[in-house]
Amino acid sequence: MNGYEPETGELVYDEATRKVGRVMGHEGPYWQLRPVGGGREWDARGPLRPATAADKLSAGVALANARSRGEAP
């Protein structure tokens, strides 16, 4: 990884999947991330970086759009 080690609860950007997620835990080389609006966790190996304001806004807009289509609670 790039030396960055996020804290549990922090919003990060997973560069491999190009998604923003909340850090739920860490096991071995993997970080467990959950989408901003909830949902199924995924294992991220990195690289990770802190989510920027633009990353957070983009994730929030995507969630709002999914809710308007009935795809998210």
PDB file of N, CA and C in Angstrom:
ATOM      1  N   MET A   1       0.847  -1.173   0.000  1.00  0.00           N
ATOM      2  CA  MET A   1       0.000   0.000   0.000  1.00  0.00           C
ATOM      3  C   MET A   1       0.892   1.236   0.000  1.00  0.00           C
ATOM      4  N   ASN A   2       0.314   2.392   0.095  1.00  0.00           N
ATOM      5  CA  ASN A   2       1.055   3.641   0.007  1.00  0.00           C
ATOM      6  C   ASN A   2       1.453   4.197   1.373  1.00  0.00           C
ATOM      7  N   GLY A   3       1.376   3.387   2.423  1.00  0.00           N
ATOM      8  CA  GLY A   3       1.727   3.836   3.760  1.00  0.00           C
ATOM      9  C   GLY A   3       0.565   4.451   4.516  1.00  0.00           C
ATOM     10  N   TYR A   4      -0.527   4.714   3.849  1.00  0.00           N
ATOM     11  CA  TYR A   4      -1.713   5.302   4.482  1.00  0.00           C
ATOM     12  C   TYR A   4      -2.507   4.189   5.155  1.00  0.00           C
ATOM     13  N   GLU A   5      -2.818   4.354   6.420  1.00  0.00           N
ATOM     14  CA  GLU A   5      -3.620   3.385   7.168  1.00  0.00           C
ATOM     15  C   GLU A   5      -4.822   4.095   7.762  1.00  0.00           C
ATOM     16  N   PRO A   6      -6.005   3.889   7.167  1.00  0.00           N
ATOM     17  CA  PRO A   6      -7.203   4.591   7.636  1.00  0.00           C
ATOM     18  C   PRO A   6      -7.702   4.060   8.972  1.00  0.00           C
ATOM     19  N   GLU A   7      -8.458   4.885   9.652  1.00  0.00           N
ATOM     20  CA  GLU A   7      -9.089   4.518  10.920  1.00  0.00           C
ATOM     21  C   GLU A   7     -10.477   3.949  10.645  1.00  0.00           C
ATOM     22  N   THR A   8     -10.960   3.101  11.538  1.00  0.00           N
ATOM     23  CA  THR A   8     -12.312   2.566  11.434  1.00  0.00           C
ATOM     24  C   THR A   8     -13.310   3.723  11.444  1.00  0.00           C
ATOM     25  N   GLY A   9     -14.265   3.685  10.536  1.00  0.00           N
ATOM     26  CA  GLY A   9     -15.272   4.734  10.423  1.00  0.00           C
ATOM     27  C   GLY A   9     -14.938   5.817   9.420  1.00  0.00           C
ATOM     28  N   GLU A  10     -13.705   5.869   8.980  1.00  0.00           N
ATOM     29  CA  GLU A  10     -13.265   6.912   8.050  1.00  0.00           C
ATOM     30  C   GLU A  10     -13.758   6.611   6.633  1.00  0.00           C
ATOM     31  N   LEU A  11     -14.079   7.663   5.894  1.00  0.00           N
ATOM     32  CA  LEU A  11     -14.431   7.503   4.484  1.00  0.00           C
ATOM     33  C   LEU A  11     -13.155   7.527   3.658  1.00  0.00           C
ATOM     34  N   VAL A  12     -13.021   6.514   2.789  1.00  0.00           N
ATOM     35  CA  VAL A  12     -11.827   6.399   1.956  1.00  0.00           C
ATOM     36  C   VAL A  12     -12.232   6.142   0.509  1.00  0.00           C
ATOM     37  N   TYR A  13     -11.301   6.387  -0.388  1.00  0.00           N
ATOM     38  CA  TYR A  13     -11.493   6.107  -1.804  1.00  0.00           C
ATOM     39  C   TYR A  13     -10.646   4.898  -2.153  1.00  0.00           C
ATOM     40  N   ASP A  14     -11.305   3.851  -2.664  1.00  0.00           N
ATOM     41  CA  ASP A  14     -10.631   2.629  -3.096  1.00  0.00           C
ATOM     42  C   ASP A  14     -10.276   2.819  -4.562  1.00  0.00           C
ATOM     43  N   GLU A  15      -9.005   3.012  -4.840  1.00  0.00           N
ATOM     44  CA  GLU A  15      -8.589   3.300  -6.200  1.00  0.00           C
ATOM     45  C   GLU A  15      -8.754   2.104  -7.129  1.00  0.00           C
ATOM     46  N   ALA A  16      -8.734   0.889  -6.602  1.00  0.00           N
ATOM     47  CA  ALA A  16      -8.891  -0.298  -7.444  1.00  0.00           C
ATOM     48  C   ALA A  16     -10.313  -0.412  -7.987  1.00  0.00           C
ATOM     49  N   THR A  17     -11.312  -0.114  -7.154  1.00  0.00           N
ATOM     50  CA  THR A  17     -12.717  -0.234  -7.581  1.00  0.00           C
ATOM     51  C   THR A  17     -13.319   1.112  -7.961  1.00  0.00           C
ATOM     52  N   ARG A  18     -12.604   2.183  -7.654  1.00  0.00           N
ATOM     53  CA  ARG A  18     -13.069   3.556  -7.904  1.00  0.00           C
ATOM     54  C   ARG A  18     -14.355   3.851  -7.159  1.00  0.00           C
ATOM     55  N   LYS A  19     -14.423   3.385  -5.895  1.00  0.00           N
ATOM     56  CA  LYS A  19     -15.602   3.616  -5.059  1.00  0.00           C
ATOM     57  C   LYS A  19     -15.184   4.212  -3.715  1.00  0.00           C
ATOM     58  N   VAL A  20     -16.116   4.969  -3.130  1.00  0.00           N
ATOM     59  CA  VAL A  20     -15.932   5.511  -1.788  1.00  0.00           C
ATOM     60  C   VAL A  20     -16.595   4.550  -0.813  1.00  0.00           C
ATOM     61  N   GLY A  21     -15.912   4.278   0.294  1.00  0.00           N
ATOM     62  CA  GLY A  21     -16.480   3.405   1.305  1.00  0.00           C
ATOM     63  C   GLY A  21     -16.063   3.812   2.697  1.00  0.00           C
ATOM     64  N   ARG A  22     -16.829   3.349   3.671  1.00  0.00           N
ATOM     65  CA  ARG A  22     -16.516   3.591   5.077  1.00  0.00           C
ATOM     66  C   ARG A  22     -15.752   2.384   5.593  1.00  0.00           C
ATOM     67  N   VAL A  23     -14.643   2.628   6.254  1.00  0.00           N
ATOM     68  CA  VAL A  23     -13.815   1.546   6.782  1.00  0.00           C
ATOM     69  C   VAL A  23     -14.532   0.891   7.957  1.00  0.00           C
ATOM     70  N   MET A  24     -14.771  -0.410   7.821  1.00  0.00           N
ATOM     71  CA  MET A  24     -15.448  -1.180   8.851  1.00  0.00           C
ATOM     72  C   MET A  24     -14.464  -2.028   9.660  1.00  0.00           C
ATOM     73  N   GLY A  25     -13.328  -2.339   9.078  1.00  0.00           N
ATOM     74  CA  GLY A  25     -12.350  -3.160   9.774  1.00  0.00           C
ATOM     75  C   GLY A  25     -11.163  -3.467   8.885  1.00  0.00           C
ATOM     76  N   HIS A  26     -10.235  -4.232   9.446  1.00  0.00           N
ATOM     77  CA  HIS A  26      -9.000  -4.580   8.745  1.00  0.00           C
ATOM     78  C   HIS A  26      -8.635  -6.009   9.112  1.00  0.00           C
ATOM     79  N   GLU A  27      -8.384  -6.837   8.122  1.00  0.00           N
ATOM     80  CA  GLU A  27      -8.012  -8.235   8.354  1.00  0.00           C
ATOM     81  C   GLU A  27      -6.898  -8.594   7.381  1.00  0.00           C
ATOM     82  N   GLY A  28      -5.709  -8.861   7.922  1.00  0.00           N
ATOM     83  CA  GLY A  28      -4.571  -9.177   7.062  1.00  0.00           C
ATOM     84  C   GLY A  28      -4.284  -8.022   6.119  1.00  0.00           C
ATOM     85  N   PRO A  29      -4.134  -8.315   4.811  1.00  0.00           N
ATOM     86  CA  PRO A  29      -3.845  -7.240   3.850  1.00  0.00           C
ATOM     87  C   PRO A  29      -5.100  -6.534   3.350  1.00  0.00           C
ATOM     88  N   TYR A  30      -6.269  -6.921   3.847  1.00  0.00           N
ATOM     89  CA  TYR A  30      -7.539  -6.392   3.334  1.00  0.00           C
ATOM     90  C   TYR A  30      -8.201  -5.434   4.317  1.00  0.00           C
ATOM     91  N   TRP A  31      -8.862  -4.425   3.744  1.00  0.00           N
ATOM     92  CA  TRP A  31      -9.691  -3.496   4.497  1.00  0.00           C
ATOM     93  C   TRP A  31     -11.123  -3.787   4.117  1.00  0.00           C
ATOM     94  N   GLN A  32     -11.997  -3.892   5.095  1.00  0.00           N
ATOM     95  CA  GLN A  32     -13.418  -4.098   4.811  1.00  0.00           C
ATOM     96  C   GLN A  32     -14.080  -2.724   4.702  1.00  0.00           C
ATOM     97  N   LEU A  33     -14.662  -2.470   3.531  1.00  0.00           N
ATOM     98  CA  LEU A  33     -15.303  -1.186   3.259  1.00  0.00           C
ATOM     99  C   LEU A  33     -16.775  -1.416   2.983  1.00  0.00           C
ATOM    100  N   ARG A  34     -17.594  -0.467   3.408  1.00  0.00           N
ATOM    101  CA  ARG A  34     -19.035  -0.520   3.169  1.00  0.00           C
ATOM    102  C   ARG A  34     -19.430   0.728   2.384  1.00  0.00           C
ATOM    103  N   PRO A  35     -20.312   0.597   1.391  1.00  0.00           N
ATOM    104  CA  PRO A  35     -20.748   1.767   0.623  1.00  0.00           C
ATOM    105  C   PRO A  35     -21.338   2.851   1.533  1.00  0.00           C
ATOM    106  N   VAL A  36     -21.306   4.081   1.070  1.00  0.00           N
ATOM    107  CA  VAL A  36     -21.747   5.229   1.855  1.00  0.00           C
ATOM    108  C   VAL A  36     -23.184   5.073   2.348  1.00  0.00           C
ATOM    109  N   GLY A  37     -24.077   4.593   1.525  1.00  0.00           N
ATOM    110  CA  GLY A  37     -25.477   4.463   1.926  1.00  0.00           C
ATOM    111  C   GLY A  37     -25.806   3.130   2.570  1.00  0.00           C
ATOM    112  N   GLY A  38     -24.789   2.356   2.918  1.00  0.00           N
ATOM    113  CA  GLY A  38     -25.002   1.029   3.471  1.00  0.00           C
ATOM    114  C   GLY A  38     -24.970  -0.002   2.356  1.00  0.00           C
ATOM    115  N   GLY A  39     -25.083  -1.235   2.732  1.00  0.00           N
ATOM    116  CA  GLY A  39     -25.052  -2.299   1.739  1.00  0.00           C
ATOM    117  C   GLY A  39     -23.954  -3.298   2.043  1.00  0.00           C
ATOM    118  N   ARG A  40     -23.662  -4.112   1.063  1.00  0.00           N
ATOM    119  CA  ARG A  40     -22.694  -5.198   1.225  1.00  0.00           C
ATOM    120  C   ARG A  40     -21.263  -4.676   1.259  1.00  0.00           C
ATOM    121  N   GLU A  41     -20.518  -5.124   2.256  1.00  0.00           N
ATOM    122  CA  GLU A  41     -19.113  -4.758   2.368  1.00  0.00           C
ATOM    123  C   GLU A  41     -18.300  -5.424   1.269  1.00  0.00           C
ATOM    124  N   TRP A  42     -17.168  -4.817   0.961  1.00  0.00           N
ATOM    125  CA  TRP A  42     -16.226  -5.457   0.049  1.00  0.00           C
ATOM    126  C   TRP A  42     -14.837  -5.379   0.658  1.00  0.00           C
ATOM    127  N   ASP A  43     -13.985  -6.291   0.235  1.00  0.00           N
ATOM    128  CA  ASP A  43     -12.599  -6.329   0.700  1.00  0.00           C
ATOM    129  C   ASP A  43     -11.748  -5.531  -0.271  1.00  0.00           C
ATOM    130  N   ALA A  44     -11.058  -4.549   0.257  1.00  0.00           N
ATOM    131  CA  ALA A  44     -10.180  -3.713  -0.551  1.00  0.00           C
ATOM    132  C   ALA A  44      -8.739  -3.994  -0.153  1.00  0.00           C
ATOM    133  N   ARG A  45      -7.910  -4.185  -1.128  1.00  0.00           N
ATOM    134  CA  ARG A  45      -6.502  -4.413  -0.861  1.00  0.00           C
ATOM    135  C   ARG A  45      -5.703  -3.132  -1.068  1.00  0.00           C
ATOM    136  N   GLY A  46      -6.294  -2.189  -1.717  1.00  0.00           N
ATOM    137  CA  GLY A  46      -5.632  -0.909  -1.902  1.00  0.00           C
ATOM    138  C   GLY A  46      -5.273  -0.707  -3.362  1.00  0.00           C
ATOM    139  N   PRO A  47      -4.696   0.414  -3.658  1.00  0.00           N
ATOM    140  CA  PRO A  47      -4.392   1.484  -2.722  1.00  0.00           C
ATOM    141  C   PRO A  47      -5.643   2.263  -2.293  1.00  0.00           C
ATOM    142  N   LEU A  48      -5.598   2.709  -1.056  1.00  0.00           N
ATOM    143  CA  LEU A  48      -6.649   3.542  -0.489  1.00  0.00           C
ATOM    144  C   LEU A  48      -6.085   4.925  -0.224  1.00  0.00           C
ATOM    145  N   ARG A  49      -6.982   5.896  -0.224  1.00  0.00           N
ATOM    146  CA  ARG A  49      -6.598   7.255   0.165  1.00  0.00           C
ATOM    147  C   ARG A  49      -7.793   7.894   0.840  1.00  0.00           C
ATOM    148  N   PRO A  50      -7.565   8.947   1.626  1.00  0.00           N
ATOM    149  CA  PRO A  50      -8.710   9.629   2.237  1.00  0.00           C
ATOM    150  C   PRO A  50      -9.641  10.151   1.144  1.00  0.00           C
ATOM    151  N   ALA A  51     -10.931  10.048   1.364  1.00  0.00           N
ATOM    152  CA  ALA A  51     -11.901  10.567   0.397  1.00  0.00           C
ATOM    153  C   ALA A  51     -11.867  12.087   0.427  1.00  0.00           C
ATOM    154  N   THR A  52     -11.800  12.674  -0.751  1.00  0.00           N
ATOM    155  CA  THR A  52     -11.828  14.133  -0.853  1.00  0.00           C
ATOM    156  C   THR A  52     -13.273  14.607  -0.755  1.00  0.00           C
ATOM    157  N   ALA A  53     -13.445  15.900  -0.642  1.00  0.00           N
ATOM    158  CA  ALA A  53     -14.797  16.468  -0.614  1.00  0.00           C
ATOM    159  C   ALA A  53     -15.541  16.114  -1.902  1.00  0.00           C
ATOM    160  N   ALA A  54     -14.842  16.126  -3.026  1.00  0.00           N
ATOM    161  CA  ALA A  54     -15.465  15.777  -4.308  1.00  0.00           C
ATOM    162  C   ALA A  54     -15.883  14.310  -4.332  1.00  0.00           C
ATOM    163  N   ASP A  55     -15.044  13.424  -3.771  1.00  0.00           N
ATOM    164  CA  ASP A  55     -15.382  11.997  -3.695  1.00  0.00           C
ATOM    165  C   ASP A  55     -16.646  11.787  -2.866  1.00  0.00           C
ATOM    166  N   LYS A  56     -16.722  12.471  -1.733  1.00  0.00           N
ATOM    167  CA  LYS A  56     -17.872  12.339  -0.835  1.00  0.00           C
ATOM    168  C   LYS A  56     -19.143  12.869  -1.493  1.00  0.00           C
ATOM    169  N   LEU A  57     -19.032  14.002  -2.182  1.00  0.00           N
ATOM    170  CA  LEU A  57     -20.174  14.583  -2.870  1.00  0.00           C
ATOM    171  C   LEU A  57     -20.660  13.643  -3.969  1.00  0.00           C
ATOM    172  N   SER A  58     -19.743  13.101  -4.739  1.00  0.00           N
ATOM    173  CA  SER A  58     -20.093  12.184  -5.818  1.00  0.00           C
ATOM    174  C   SER A  58     -20.813  10.944  -5.280  1.00  0.00           C
ATOM    175  N   ALA A  59     -20.309  10.393  -4.172  1.00  0.00           N
ATOM    176  CA  ALA A  59     -20.945   9.216  -3.558  1.00  0.00           C
ATOM    177  C   ALA A  59     -22.342   9.565  -3.055  1.00  0.00           C
ATOM    178  N   GLY A  60     -22.504  10.745  -2.481  1.00  0.00           N
ATOM    179  CA  GLY A  60     -23.811  11.180  -1.992  1.00  0.00           C
ATOM    180  C   GLY A  60     -24.811  11.377  -3.120  1.00  0.00           C
ATOM    181  N   VAL A  61     -24.372  11.941  -4.232  1.00  0.00           N
ATOM    182  CA  VAL A  61     -25.244  12.146  -5.389  1.00  0.00           C
ATOM    183  C   VAL A  61     -25.646  10.792  -5.971  1.00  0.00           C
ATOM    184  N   ALA A  62     -24.688   9.864  -6.072  1.00  0.00           N
ATOM    185  CA  ALA A  62     -24.997   8.527  -6.588  1.00  0.00           C
ATOM    186  C   ALA A  62     -26.038   7.840  -5.707  1.00  0.00           C
ATOM    187  N   LEU A  63     -25.914   7.996  -4.392  1.00  0.00           N
ATOM    188  CA  LEU A  63     -26.877   7.409  -3.469  1.00  0.00           C
ATOM    189  C   LEU A  63     -28.260   8.044  -3.652  1.00  0.00           C
ATOM    190  N   ALA A  64     -28.307   9.363  -3.755  1.00  0.00           N
ATOM    191  CA  ALA A  64     -29.581  10.057  -3.940  1.00  0.00           C
ATOM    192  C   ALA A  64     -30.243   9.622  -5.245  1.00  0.00           C
ATOM    193  N   ASN A  65     -29.469   9.458  -6.291  1.00  0.00           N
ATOM    194  CA  ASN A  65     -30.015   9.000  -7.575  1.00  0.00           C
ATOM    195  C   ASN A  65     -30.557   7.581  -7.462  1.00  0.00           C
ATOM    196  N   ALA A  66     -29.826   6.704  -6.785  1.00  0.00           N
ATOM    197  CA  ALA A  66     -30.284   5.320  -6.610  1.00  0.00           C
ATOM    198  C   ALA A  66     -31.576   5.280  -5.800  1.00  0.00           C
ATOM    199  N   ARG A  67     -31.673   6.128  -4.781  1.00  0.00           N
ATOM    200  CA  ARG A  67     -32.900   6.187  -3.991  1.00  0.00           C
ATOM    201  C   ARG A  67     -34.077   6.675  -4.843  1.00  0.00           C
ATOM    202  N   SER A  68     -33.844   7.642  -5.703  1.00  0.00           N
ATOM    203  CA  SER A  68     -34.931   8.182  -6.529  1.00  0.00           C
ATOM    204  C   SER A  68     -35.423   7.144  -7.532  1.00  0.00           C
ATOM    205  N   ARG A  69     -34.550   6.199  -7.896  1.00  0.00           N
ATOM    206  CA  ARG A  69     -34.945   5.121  -8.801  1.00  0.00           C
ATOM    207  C   ARG A  69     -35.498   3.906  -8.061  1.00  0.00           C
ATOM    208  N   GLY A  70     -35.508   3.978  -6.717  1.00  0.00           N
ATOM    209  CA  GLY A  70     -36.005   2.867  -5.918  1.00  0.00           C
ATOM    210  C   GLY A  70     -35.012   1.739  -5.758  1.00  0.00           C
ATOM    211  N   GLU A  71     -33.738   2.000  -6.016  1.00  0.00           N
ATOM    212  CA  GLU A  71     -32.704   0.972  -5.937  1.00  0.00           C
ATOM    213  C   GLU A  71     -32.012   0.908  -4.581  1.00  0.00           C
ATOM    214  N   ALA A  72     -32.259   1.900  -3.731  1.00  0.00           N
ATOM    215  CA  ALA A  72     -31.629   1.961  -2.417  1.00  0.00           C
ATOM    216  C   ALA A  72     -32.691   2.384  -1.396  1.00  0.00           C
ATOM    217  N   PRO A  73     -32.524   1.917  -0.163  1.00  0.00           N
ATOM    218  CA  PRO A  73     -33.507   2.295   0.879  1.00  0.00           C
ATOM    219  C   PRO A  73     -33.408   3.755   1.270  1.00  0.00           C
TER     220      PRO A  73
END
